[in-house]
Amino acid sequence: MTDQLCAVFIPALALLLKDAETNKGSPLSEAEVLAIRDGATCIAVPFDVALQMESDRGLRDIVAEDCWSEWQRIRLIMTEPTL
């Protein structure tokens, strides 16, 4: 039996988007989000390894296939200034 492979962004796609939005100084457009996703480094690892990486990061990353709507859901939380 072959382990199912899972795509994992290195660094996490959510962090890449957060950094890009911070550097831009305004919200990213859908085209910008998709371009960042398409240009990001991604590796394929067995599902159990992907789960362990997520646990080690302490962050559930954005699903690439639905990155625009997922980014809209978490961007305000991730881009809030720290106190």
N, C-alpha and C. Protein backbone atom coordinates (compact mmCIF):
# COMPACT_ATOMS: atom_id res chain seq x y z
N MET A 1 0.84 -1.19 0.00
CA MET A 1 0.00 0.00 0.00
C MET A 1 0.88 1.25 0.00
N THR A 2 0.55 2.21 -0.81
CA THR A 2 1.30 3.45 -0.93
C THR A 2 0.62 4.54 -0.12
N ASP A 3 1.43 5.26 0.66
CA ASP A 3 0.88 6.38 1.42
C ASP A 3 0.42 7.47 0.45
N GLN A 4 -0.72 8.06 0.76
CA GLN A 4 -1.21 9.19 -0.03
C GLN A 4 -0.29 10.38 0.21
N LEU A 5 0.05 11.08 -0.88
CA LEU A 5 0.90 12.25 -0.74
C LEU A 5 0.07 13.51 -0.57
N CYS A 6 0.64 14.43 0.14
CA CYS A 6 -0.03 15.69 0.45
C CYS A 6 0.94 16.83 0.13
N ALA A 7 0.44 17.89 -0.49
CA ALA A 7 1.28 19.05 -0.81
C ALA A 7 1.42 19.94 0.42
N VAL A 8 2.65 20.31 0.72
CA VAL A 8 2.94 21.19 1.86
C VAL A 8 3.79 22.35 1.36
N PHE A 9 3.34 23.57 1.64
CA PHE A 9 4.09 24.76 1.24
C PHE A 9 5.20 25.04 2.25
N ILE A 10 6.36 25.41 1.71
CA ILE A 10 7.53 25.74 2.53
C ILE A 10 8.01 27.12 2.13
N PRO A 11 7.87 28.15 2.94
CA PRO A 11 7.12 28.22 4.19
C PRO A 11 5.61 28.12 3.93
N ALA A 12 4.85 28.09 5.00
CA ALA A 12 3.40 27.98 4.90
C ALA A 12 2.83 29.08 4.01
N LEU A 13 1.87 28.71 3.17
CA LEU A 13 1.24 29.66 2.26
C LEU A 13 0.61 30.83 3.03
N ALA A 14 -0.01 30.55 4.15
CA ALA A 14 -0.63 31.60 4.96
C ALA A 14 0.41 32.64 5.38
N LEU A 15 1.62 32.19 5.72
CA LEU A 15 2.67 33.12 6.13
C LEU A 15 3.19 33.92 4.95
N LEU A 16 3.29 33.28 3.79
CA LEU A 16 3.71 34.00 2.58
C LEU A 16 2.72 35.11 2.24
N LEU A 17 1.44 34.80 2.33
CA LEU A 17 0.41 35.79 2.02
C LEU A 17 0.42 36.93 3.05
N LYS A 18 0.58 36.58 4.30
CA LYS A 18 0.64 37.59 5.36
C LYS A 18 1.81 38.54 5.11
N ASP A 19 2.98 38.00 4.82
CA ASP A 19 4.15 38.83 4.56
C ASP A 19 3.95 39.72 3.34
N ALA A 20 3.36 39.15 2.28
CA ALA A 20 3.12 39.93 1.06
C ALA A 20 2.16 41.08 1.33
N GLU A 21 1.10 40.81 2.10
CA GLU A 21 0.13 41.86 2.40
C GLU A 21 0.75 42.93 3.30
N THR A 22 1.55 42.53 4.25
CA THR A 22 2.23 43.48 5.13
C THR A 22 3.16 44.37 4.31
N ASN A 23 3.93 43.76 3.41
CA ASN A 23 4.85 44.53 2.57
C ASN A 23 4.12 45.47 1.62
N LYS A 24 2.98 45.03 1.11
CA LYS A 24 2.19 45.86 0.19
C LYS A 24 1.54 47.02 0.93
N GLY A 25 1.13 46.78 2.17
CA GLY A 25 0.49 47.83 2.96
C GLY A 25 -1.00 47.96 2.70
N SER A 26 -1.56 47.02 1.95
CA SER A 26 -3.01 47.00 1.69
C SER A 26 -3.39 45.57 1.34
N PRO A 27 -4.70 45.26 1.34
CA PRO A 27 -5.12 43.90 1.05
C PRO A 27 -4.67 43.42 -0.33
N LEU A 28 -4.31 42.15 -0.39
CA LEU A 28 -3.95 41.54 -1.66
C LEU A 28 -5.19 41.32 -2.51
N SER A 29 -5.04 41.42 -3.80
CA SER A 29 -6.13 41.09 -4.72
C SER A 29 -6.16 39.57 -4.92
N GLU A 30 -7.23 39.08 -5.48
CA GLU A 30 -7.31 37.65 -5.76
C GLU A 30 -6.20 37.23 -6.72
N ALA A 31 -5.92 38.05 -7.72
CA ALA A 31 -4.85 37.73 -8.68
C ALA A 31 -3.49 37.65 -7.97
N GLU A 32 -3.25 38.55 -7.01
CA GLU A 32 -1.99 38.52 -6.27
C GLU A 32 -1.88 37.26 -5.41
N VAL A 33 -2.98 36.90 -4.75
CA VAL A 33 -2.99 35.70 -3.92
C VAL A 33 -2.70 34.47 -4.78
N LEU A 34 -3.35 34.38 -5.92
CA LEU A 34 -3.15 33.22 -6.80
C LEU A 34 -1.73 33.19 -7.36
N ALA A 35 -1.17 34.35 -7.68
CA ALA A 35 0.19 34.40 -8.20
C ALA A 35 1.20 33.96 -7.13
N ILE A 36 0.98 34.38 -5.89
CA ILE A 36 1.86 33.97 -4.80
C ILE A 36 1.76 32.46 -4.60
N ARG A 37 0.56 31.94 -4.60
CA ARG A 37 0.36 30.50 -4.47
C ARG A 37 1.08 29.76 -5.59
N ASP A 38 0.90 30.23 -6.81
CA ASP A 38 1.46 29.54 -7.97
C ASP A 38 2.99 29.59 -8.00
N GLY A 39 3.58 30.61 -7.37
CA GLY A 39 5.03 30.73 -7.35
C GLY A 39 5.69 30.20 -6.09
N ALA A 40 4.90 29.72 -5.16
CA ALA A 40 5.44 29.27 -3.87
C ALA A 40 6.07 27.88 -3.99
N THR A 41 7.03 27.63 -3.12
CA THR A 41 7.67 26.31 -3.05
C THR A 41 6.76 25.35 -2.31
N CYS A 42 6.60 24.19 -2.91
CA CYS A 42 5.71 23.18 -2.36
C CYS A 42 6.39 21.82 -2.48
N ILE A 43 6.25 20.99 -1.45
CA ILE A 43 6.79 19.64 -1.50
C ILE A 43 5.67 18.64 -1.29
N ALA A 44 5.86 17.44 -1.80
CA ALA A 44 4.89 16.36 -1.61
C ALA A 44 5.44 15.40 -0.56
N VAL A 45 4.66 15.21 0.47
CA VAL A 45 5.08 14.32 1.56
C VAL A 45 3.91 13.41 1.91
N PRO A 46 4.19 12.25 2.53
CA PRO A 46 3.09 11.40 2.99
C PRO A 46 2.17 12.17 3.94
N PHE A 47 0.90 11.80 3.93
CA PHE A 47 -0.12 12.49 4.72
C PHE A 47 0.27 12.60 6.20
N ASP A 48 0.81 11.52 6.78
CA ASP A 48 1.17 11.56 8.20
C ASP A 48 2.30 12.55 8.46
N VAL A 49 3.22 12.69 7.51
CA VAL A 49 4.30 13.67 7.65
C VAL A 49 3.73 15.08 7.57
N ALA A 50 2.78 15.30 6.65
CA ALA A 50 2.14 16.61 6.52
C ALA A 50 1.43 16.99 7.83
N LEU A 51 0.74 16.05 8.43
CA LEU A 51 0.07 16.33 9.71
C LEU A 51 1.08 16.68 10.80
N GLN A 52 2.21 15.98 10.82
CA GLN A 52 3.23 16.28 11.82
C GLN A 52 3.84 17.65 11.58
N MET A 53 4.07 18.00 10.32
CA MET A 53 4.61 19.33 10.00
C MET A 53 3.64 20.42 10.43
N GLU A 54 2.35 20.20 10.20
CA GLU A 54 1.33 21.17 10.61
C GLU A 54 1.33 21.33 12.12
N SER A 55 1.44 20.22 12.82
CA SER A 55 1.49 20.25 14.28
C SER A 55 2.73 20.99 14.77
N ASP A 56 3.87 20.72 14.14
CA ASP A 56 5.11 21.39 14.52
C ASP A 56 5.05 22.88 14.27
N ARG A 57 4.40 23.28 13.19
CA ARG A 57 4.27 24.71 12.85
C ARG A 57 3.31 25.42 13.81
N GLY A 58 2.34 24.69 14.33
CA GLY A 58 1.31 25.30 15.16
C GLY A 58 0.34 26.11 14.34
N LEU A 59 0.24 25.79 13.06
CA LEU A 59 -0.58 26.56 12.13
C LEU A 59 -1.18 25.62 11.09
N ARG A 60 -2.48 25.70 10.92
CA ARG A 60 -3.15 24.96 9.84
C ARG A 60 -3.05 25.84 8.61
N ASP A 61 -2.36 25.35 7.59
CA ASP A 61 -2.13 26.17 6.40
C ASP A 61 -3.37 26.23 5.53
N ILE A 62 -3.33 27.14 4.60
CA ILE A 62 -4.39 27.34 3.61
C ILE A 62 -4.39 26.20 2.61
N VAL A 63 -5.56 25.74 2.23
CA VAL A 63 -5.69 24.73 1.18
C VAL A 63 -5.49 25.44 -0.16
N ALA A 64 -4.53 24.97 -0.93
CA ALA A 64 -4.14 25.65 -2.17
C ALA A 64 -5.30 25.80 -3.15
N GLU A 65 -6.14 24.79 -3.26
CA GLU A 65 -7.23 24.82 -4.23
C GLU A 65 -8.30 25.86 -3.89
N ASP A 66 -8.35 26.29 -2.65
CA ASP A 66 -9.35 27.27 -2.21
C ASP A 66 -8.67 28.44 -1.49
N CYS A 67 -7.47 28.80 -1.97
CA CYS A 67 -6.66 29.76 -1.21
C CYS A 67 -7.28 31.15 -1.11
N TRP A 68 -8.00 31.60 -2.13
CA TRP A 68 -8.58 32.95 -2.06
C TRP A 68 -9.61 33.04 -0.93
N SER A 69 -10.56 32.13 -0.90
CA SER A 69 -11.59 32.21 0.16
C SER A 69 -11.01 31.90 1.52
N GLU A 70 -10.05 30.99 1.60
CA GLU A 70 -9.43 30.70 2.89
C GLU A 70 -8.61 31.90 3.38
N TRP A 71 -7.93 32.58 2.46
CA TRP A 71 -7.17 33.77 2.85
C TRP A 71 -8.12 34.84 3.37
N GLN A 72 -9.26 35.01 2.72
CA GLN A 72 -10.23 36.00 3.19
C GLN A 72 -10.71 35.66 4.60
N ARG A 73 -10.84 34.40 4.89
CA ARG A 73 -11.31 33.95 6.19
C ARG A 73 -10.29 34.22 7.30
N ILE A 74 -9.00 34.02 7.01
CA ILE A 74 -8.01 34.13 8.09
C ILE A 74 -7.15 35.39 8.04
N ARG A 75 -7.23 36.17 6.97
CA ARG A 75 -6.31 37.30 6.81
C ARG A 75 -6.43 38.34 7.93
N LEU A 76 -7.63 38.63 8.36
CA LEU A 76 -7.78 39.64 9.42
C LEU A 76 -7.15 39.20 10.72
N ILE A 77 -7.27 37.92 11.01
CA ILE A 77 -6.65 37.38 12.23
C ILE A 77 -5.13 37.44 12.11
N MET A 78 -4.62 37.04 10.95
CA MET A 78 -3.17 36.97 10.77
C MET A 78 -2.52 38.33 10.61
N THR A 79 -3.27 39.32 10.13
CA THR A 79 -2.66 40.62 9.88
C THR A 79 -2.93 41.63 10.99
N GLU A 80 -3.59 41.20 12.06
CA GLU A 80 -3.81 42.10 13.19
C GLU A 80 -2.47 42.45 13.81
N PRO A 81 -2.28 43.72 14.14
CA PRO A 81 -1.02 44.10 14.82
C PRO A 81 -0.96 43.44 16.18
N THR A 82 0.23 43.01 16.55
CA THR A 82 0.40 42.42 17.87
C THR A 82 0.53 43.53 18.90
N LEU A 83 -0.04 43.29 20.05
CA LEU A 83 0.00 44.30 21.12
C LEU A 83 1.19 44.09 22.01
